[in-house]
PDB file of N, CA and C in Angstrom:
ATOM      1  N   MET A   1     102.752 141.491  87.794  1.00  0.00           N
ATOM      2  CA  MET A   1     104.097 141.034  87.569  1.00  0.00           C
ATOM      3  C   MET A   1     104.888 141.017  88.879  1.00  0.00           C
ATOM      4  N   ARG A   2     104.801 142.129  89.594  1.00  0.00           N
ATOM      5  CA  ARG A   2     105.557 142.196  90.852  1.00  0.00           C
ATOM      6  C   ARG A   2     105.050 141.168  91.850  1.00  0.00           C
ATOM      7  N   LEU A   3     103.743 140.975  91.880  1.00  0.00           N
ATOM      8  CA  LEU A   3     103.178 139.990  92.796  1.00  0.00           C
ATOM      9  C   LEU A   3     103.670 138.592  92.445  1.00  0.00           C
ATOM     10  N   LEU A   4     103.714 138.267  91.158  1.00  0.00           N
ATOM     11  CA  LEU A   4     104.207 136.964  90.730  1.00  0.00           C
ATOM     12  C   LEU A   4     105.656 136.770  91.160  1.00  0.00           C
ATOM     13  N   LEU A   5     106.487 137.774  90.946  1.00  0.00           N
ATOM     14  CA  LEU A   5     107.890 137.666  91.346  1.00  0.00           C
ATOM     15  C   LEU A   5     108.036 137.555  92.857  1.00  0.00           C
ATOM     16  N   PHE A   6     107.251 138.325  93.584  1.00  0.00           N
ATOM     17  CA  PHE A   6     107.313 138.255  95.047  1.00  0.00           C
ATOM     18  C   PHE A   6     106.903 136.872  95.547  1.00  0.00           C
ATOM     19  N   LEU A   7     105.822 136.335  95.004  1.00  0.00           N
ATOM     20  CA  LEU A   7     105.373 135.005  95.422  1.00  0.00           C
ATOM     21  C   LEU A   7     106.394 133.925  95.057  1.00  0.00           C
ATOM     22  N   ALA A   8     106.977 134.042  93.864  1.00  0.00           N
ATOM     23  CA  ALA A   8     107.984 133.065  93.452  1.00  0.00           C
ATOM     24  C   ALA A   8     109.198 133.128  94.380  1.00  0.00           C
ATOM     25  N   LEU A   9     109.638 134.333  94.712  1.00  0.00           N
ATOM     26  CA  LEU A   9     110.777 134.460  95.616  1.00  0.00           C
ATOM     27  C   LEU A   9     110.454 133.931  97.009  1.00  0.00           C
ATOM     28  N   ALA A  10     109.228 134.158  97.468  1.00  0.00           N
ATOM     29  CA  ALA A  10     108.827 133.645  98.774  1.00  0.00           C
ATOM     30  C   ALA A  10     108.810 132.114  98.783  1.00  0.00           C
ATOM     31  N   VAL A  11     108.303 131.526  97.714  1.00  0.00           N
ATOM     32  CA  VAL A  11     108.261 130.062  97.619  1.00  0.00           C
ATOM     33  C   VAL A  11     109.676 129.497  97.548  1.00  0.00           C
ATOM     34  N   ILE A  12     110.540 130.147  96.758  1.00  0.00           N
ATOM     35  CA  ILE A  12     111.921 129.688  96.649  1.00  0.00           C
ATOM     36  C   ILE A  12     112.629 129.797  97.996  1.00  0.00           C
ATOM     37  N   ALA A  13     112.423 130.893  98.706  1.00  0.00           N
ATOM     38  CA  ALA A  13     113.051 131.056 100.018  1.00  0.00           C
ATOM     39  C   ALA A  13     112.540 130.003 101.004  1.00  0.00           C
ATOM     40  N   GLY A  14     111.242 129.754 100.977  1.00  0.00           N
ATOM     41  CA  GLY A  14     110.676 128.736 101.866  1.00  0.00           C
ATOM     42  C   GLY A  14     111.216 127.353 101.579  1.00  0.00           C
ATOM     43  N   ALA A  15     111.306 127.011 100.310  1.00  0.00           N
ATOM     44  CA  ALA A  15     111.847 125.701  99.949  1.00  0.00           C
ATOM     45  C   ALA A  15     113.340 125.623 100.273  1.00  0.00           C
ATOM     46  N   GLY A  16     114.045 126.744 100.132  1.00  0.00           N
ATOM     47  CA  GLY A  16     115.463 126.764 100.486  1.00  0.00           C
ATOM     48  C   GLY A  16     115.673 126.537 101.968  1.00  0.00           C
ATOM     49  N   VAL A  17     114.853 127.157 102.780  1.00  0.00           N
ATOM     50  CA  VAL A  17     114.942 126.948 104.226  1.00  0.00           C
ATOM     51  C   VAL A  17     114.596 125.497 104.577  1.00  0.00           C
ATOM     52  N   ALA A  18     113.574 124.958 103.930  1.00  0.00           N
ATOM     53  CA  ALA A  18     113.210 123.561 104.182  1.00  0.00           C
ATOM     54  C   ALA A  18     114.350 122.624 103.793  1.00  0.00           C
ATOM     55  N   TYR A  19     115.032 122.953 102.685  1.00  0.00           N
ATOM     56  CA  TYR A  19     116.170 122.126 102.280  1.00  0.00           C
ATOM     57  C   TYR A  19     117.307 122.205 103.305  1.00  0.00           C
ATOM     58  N   LEU A  20     117.546 123.394 103.820  1.00  0.00           N
ATOM     59  CA  LEU A  20     118.625 123.535 104.801  1.00  0.00           C
ATOM     60  C   LEU A  20     118.371 122.712 106.060  1.00  0.00           C
ATOM     61  N   PHE A  21     117.098 122.591 106.449  1.00  0.00           N
ATOM     62  CA  PHE A  21     116.787 121.839 107.659  1.00  0.00           C
ATOM     63  C   PHE A  21     116.691 120.333 107.411  1.00  0.00           C
ATOM     64  N   LYS A  22     116.123 119.937 106.282  1.00  0.00           N
ATOM     65  CA  LYS A  22     115.865 118.511 106.062  1.00  0.00           C
ATOM     66  C   LYS A  22     116.864 117.833 105.132  1.00  0.00           C
ATOM     67  N   ARG A  23     117.577 118.604 104.317  1.00  0.00           N
ATOM     68  CA  ARG A  23     118.553 118.066 103.350  1.00  0.00           C
ATOM     69  C   ARG A  23     117.924 117.064 102.384  1.00  0.00           C
ATOM     70  N   ASP A  24     116.680 117.285 102.022  1.00  0.00           N
ATOM     71  CA  ASP A  24     115.986 116.424 101.072  1.00  0.00           C
ATOM     72  C   ASP A  24     116.127 117.045  99.675  1.00  0.00           C
ATOM     73  N   PRO A  25     116.680 116.316  98.716  1.00  0.00           N
ATOM     74  CA  PRO A  25     116.921 116.899  97.388  1.00  0.00           C
ATOM     75  C   PRO A  25     115.646 117.257  96.615  1.00  0.00           C
ATOM     76  N   ARG A  26     114.509 116.777  97.050  1.00  0.00           N
ATOM     77  CA  ARG A  26     113.277 117.134  96.333  1.00  0.00           C
ATOM     78  C   ARG A  26     112.966 118.623  96.453  1.00  0.00           C
ATOM     79  N   TYR A  27     113.451 119.263  97.524  1.00  0.00           N
ATOM     80  CA  TYR A  27     113.249 120.710  97.650  1.00  0.00           C
ATOM     81  C   TYR A  27     114.046 121.470  96.587  1.00  0.00           C
ATOM     82  N   LEU A  28     115.223 120.976  96.261  1.00  0.00           N
ATOM     83  CA  LEU A  28     116.015 121.601  95.207  1.00  0.00           C
ATOM     84  C   LEU A  28     115.337 121.428  93.847  1.00  0.00           C
ATOM     85  N   ARG A  29     114.777 120.261  93.604  1.00  0.00           N
ATOM     86  CA  ARG A  29     114.038 120.040  92.345  1.00  0.00           C
ATOM     87  C   ARG A  29     112.820 120.962  92.276  1.00  0.00           C
ATOM     88  N   PHE A  30     112.155 121.131  93.411  1.00  0.00           N
ATOM     89  CA  PHE A  30     111.000 122.022  93.459  1.00  0.00           C
ATOM     90  C   PHE A  30     111.410 123.465  93.163  1.00  0.00           C
ATOM     91  N   ILE A  31     112.533 123.903  93.720  1.00  0.00           N
ATOM     92  CA  ILE A  31     113.033 125.248  93.439  1.00  0.00           C
ATOM     93  C   ILE A  31     113.332 125.400  91.955  1.00  0.00           C
ATOM     94  N   GLY A  32     113.935 124.388  91.365  1.00  0.00           N
ATOM     95  CA  GLY A  32     114.223 124.421  89.927  1.00  0.00           C
ATOM     96  C   GLY A  32     112.963 124.543  89.092  1.00  0.00           C
ATOM     97  N   ARG A  33     111.933 123.799  89.462  1.00  0.00           N
ATOM     98  CA  ARG A  33     110.665 123.890  88.728  1.00  0.00           C
ATOM     99  C   ARG A  33     110.019 125.259  88.877  1.00  0.00           C
ATOM    100  N   VAL A  34     110.046 125.802  90.083  1.00  0.00           N
ATOM    101  CA  VAL A  34     109.461 127.132  90.312  1.00  0.00           C
ATOM    102  C   VAL A  34     110.188 128.176  89.472  1.00  0.00           C
ATOM    103  N   VAL A  35     111.519 128.111  89.450  1.00  0.00           N
ATOM    104  CA  VAL A  35     112.297 129.066  88.651  1.00  0.00           C
ATOM    105  C   VAL A  35     111.970 128.907  87.174  1.00  0.00           C
ATOM    106  N   LYS A  36     111.925 127.653  86.692  1.00  0.00           N
ATOM    107  CA  LYS A  36     111.657 127.401  85.276  1.00  0.00           C
ATOM    108  C   LYS A  36     110.287 127.933  84.867  1.00  0.00           C
ATOM    109  N   TYR A  37     109.266 127.611  85.626  1.00  0.00           N
ATOM    110  CA  TYR A  37     107.921 128.040  85.245  1.00  0.00           C
ATOM    111  C   TYR A  37     107.708 129.534  85.437  1.00  0.00           C
ATOM    112  N   THR A  38     108.393 130.124  86.403  1.00  0.00           N
ATOM    113  CA  THR A  38     108.300 131.574  86.572  1.00  0.00           C
ATOM    114  C   THR A  38     108.923 132.286  85.377  1.00  0.00           C
ATOM    115  N   ILE A  39     110.078 131.810  84.930  1.00  0.00           N
ATOM    116  CA  ILE A  39     110.727 132.410  83.763  1.00  0.00           C
ATOM    117  C   ILE A  39     109.864 132.230  82.524  1.00  0.00           C
ATOM    118  N   LEU A  40     109.287 131.046  82.341  1.00  0.00           N
ATOM    119  CA  LEU A  40     108.422 130.820  81.181  1.00  0.00           C
ATOM    120  C   LEU A  40     107.196 131.734  81.206  1.00  0.00           C
ATOM    121  N   LEU A  41     106.606 131.892  82.369  1.00  0.00           N
ATOM    122  CA  LEU A  41     105.436 132.766  82.484  1.00  0.00           C
ATOM    123  C   LEU A  41     105.810 134.218  82.219  1.00  0.00           C
ATOM    124  N   LEU A  42     106.940 134.653  82.753  1.00  0.00           N
ATOM    125  CA  LEU A  42     107.398 136.022  82.508  1.00  0.00           C
ATOM    126  C   LEU A  42     107.705 136.254  81.028  1.00  0.00           C
ATOM    127  N   LEU A  43     108.331 135.285  80.388  1.00  0.00           N
ATOM    128  CA  LEU A  43     108.594 135.416  78.956  1.00  0.00           C
ATOM    129  C   LEU A  43     107.293 135.480  78.159  1.00  0.00           C
ATOM    130  N   GLY A  44     106.313 134.675  78.554  1.00  0.00           N
ATOM    131  CA  GLY A  44     105.014 134.725  77.895  1.00  0.00           C
ATOM    132  C   GLY A  44     104.352 136.087  78.029  1.00  0.00           C
ATOM    133  N   VAL A  45     104.420 136.659  79.202  1.00  0.00           N
ATOM    134  CA  VAL A  45     103.834 137.984  79.428  1.00  0.00           C
ATOM    135  C   VAL A  45     104.587 139.039  78.615  1.00  0.00           C
ATOM    136  N   LEU A  46     105.918 138.956  78.594  1.00  0.00           N
ATOM    137  CA  LEU A  46     106.706 139.917  77.821  1.00  0.00           C
ATOM    138  C   LEU A  46     106.420 139.812  76.320  1.00  0.00           C
ATOM    139  N   VAL A  47     106.254 138.600  75.818  1.00  0.00           N
ATOM    140  CA  VAL A  47     105.898 138.426  74.401  1.00  0.00           C
ATOM    141  C   VAL A  47     104.521 139.010  74.133  1.00  0.00           C
ATOM    142  N   PHE A  48     103.601 138.816  75.060  1.00  0.00           N
ATOM    143  CA  PHE A  48     102.268 139.394  74.900  1.00  0.00           C
ATOM    144  C   PHE A  48     102.333 140.915  74.856  1.00  0.00           C
ATOM    145  N   TYR A  49     103.111 141.526  75.758  1.00  0.00           N
ATOM    146  CA  TYR A  49     103.264 142.986  75.764  1.00  0.00           C
ATOM    147  C   TYR A  49     103.888 143.477  74.462  1.00  0.00           C
ATOM    148  N   ALA A  50     104.915 142.777  73.985  1.00  0.00           N
ATOM    149  CA  ALA A  50     105.573 143.174  72.735  1.00  0.00           C
ATOM    150  C   ALA A  50     104.595 143.064  71.565  1.00  0.00           C
ATOM    151  N   PHE A  51     103.829 141.977  71.517  1.00  0.00           N
ATOM    152  CA  PHE A  51     102.847 141.799  70.453  1.00  0.00           C
ATOM    153  C   PHE A  51     101.784 142.889  70.520  1.00  0.00           C
ATOM    154  N   GLU A  52     101.358 143.222  71.721  1.00  0.00           N
ATOM    155  CA  GLU A  52     100.349 144.260  71.897  1.00  0.00           C
ATOM    156  C   GLU A  52     100.852 145.600  71.387  1.00  0.00           C
ATOM    157  N   ARG A  53     102.093 145.907  71.644  1.00  0.00           N
ATOM    158  CA  ARG A  53     102.658 147.184  71.172  1.00  0.00           C
ATOM    159  C   ARG A  53     102.800 147.196  69.657  1.00  0.00           C
ATOM    160  N   LEU A  54     103.162 146.051  69.072  1.00  0.00           N
ATOM    161  CA  LEU A  54     103.287 145.984  67.613  1.00  0.00           C
ATOM    162  C   LEU A  54     101.934 146.153  66.939  1.00  0.00           C
ATOM    163  N   VAL A  55     100.909 145.532  67.499  1.00  0.00           N
ATOM    164  CA  VAL A  55      99.567 145.617  66.923  1.00  0.00           C
ATOM    165  C   VAL A  55      98.996 147.016  67.122  1.00  0.00           C
ATOM    166  N   ALA A  56      99.283 147.655  68.239  1.00  0.00           N
ATOM    167  CA  ALA A  56      98.761 148.992  68.510  1.00  0.00           C
ATOM    168  C   ALA A  56      99.372 150.015  67.579  1.00  0.00           C
ATOM    169  N   VAL A  57     100.592 149.803  67.118  1.00  0.00           N
ATOM    170  CA  VAL A  57     101.251 150.747  66.198  1.00  0.00           C
ATOM    171  C   VAL A  57     100.579 150.711  64.840  1.00  0.00           C
ATOM    172  N   VAL A  58     100.173 149.540  64.407  1.00  0.00           N
ATOM    173  CA  VAL A  58      99.545 149.395  63.080  1.00  0.00           C
ATOM    174  C   VAL A  58      98.133 149.830  63.155  1.00  0.00           C
TER     175      VAL A  58
END
C-alpha cells in the first residue's frame, strides 16, 4: 500500500514538474488519471480487507 502511494505521488510530482516547464495540458489530464486509478485501486484493496475481516469472523 505504501509503495503504491509513494509511486503515485512520485508520478504526480513528475508530471506536475513537466507541466510547469512545458505548459502542456495533457500532463494535467495524466495527473487526473493517476489520481483516479490510484483511488479506485485503494478502494478495491480496502473493500477486499473489509470482506476478509467479515469472512474471518464467521
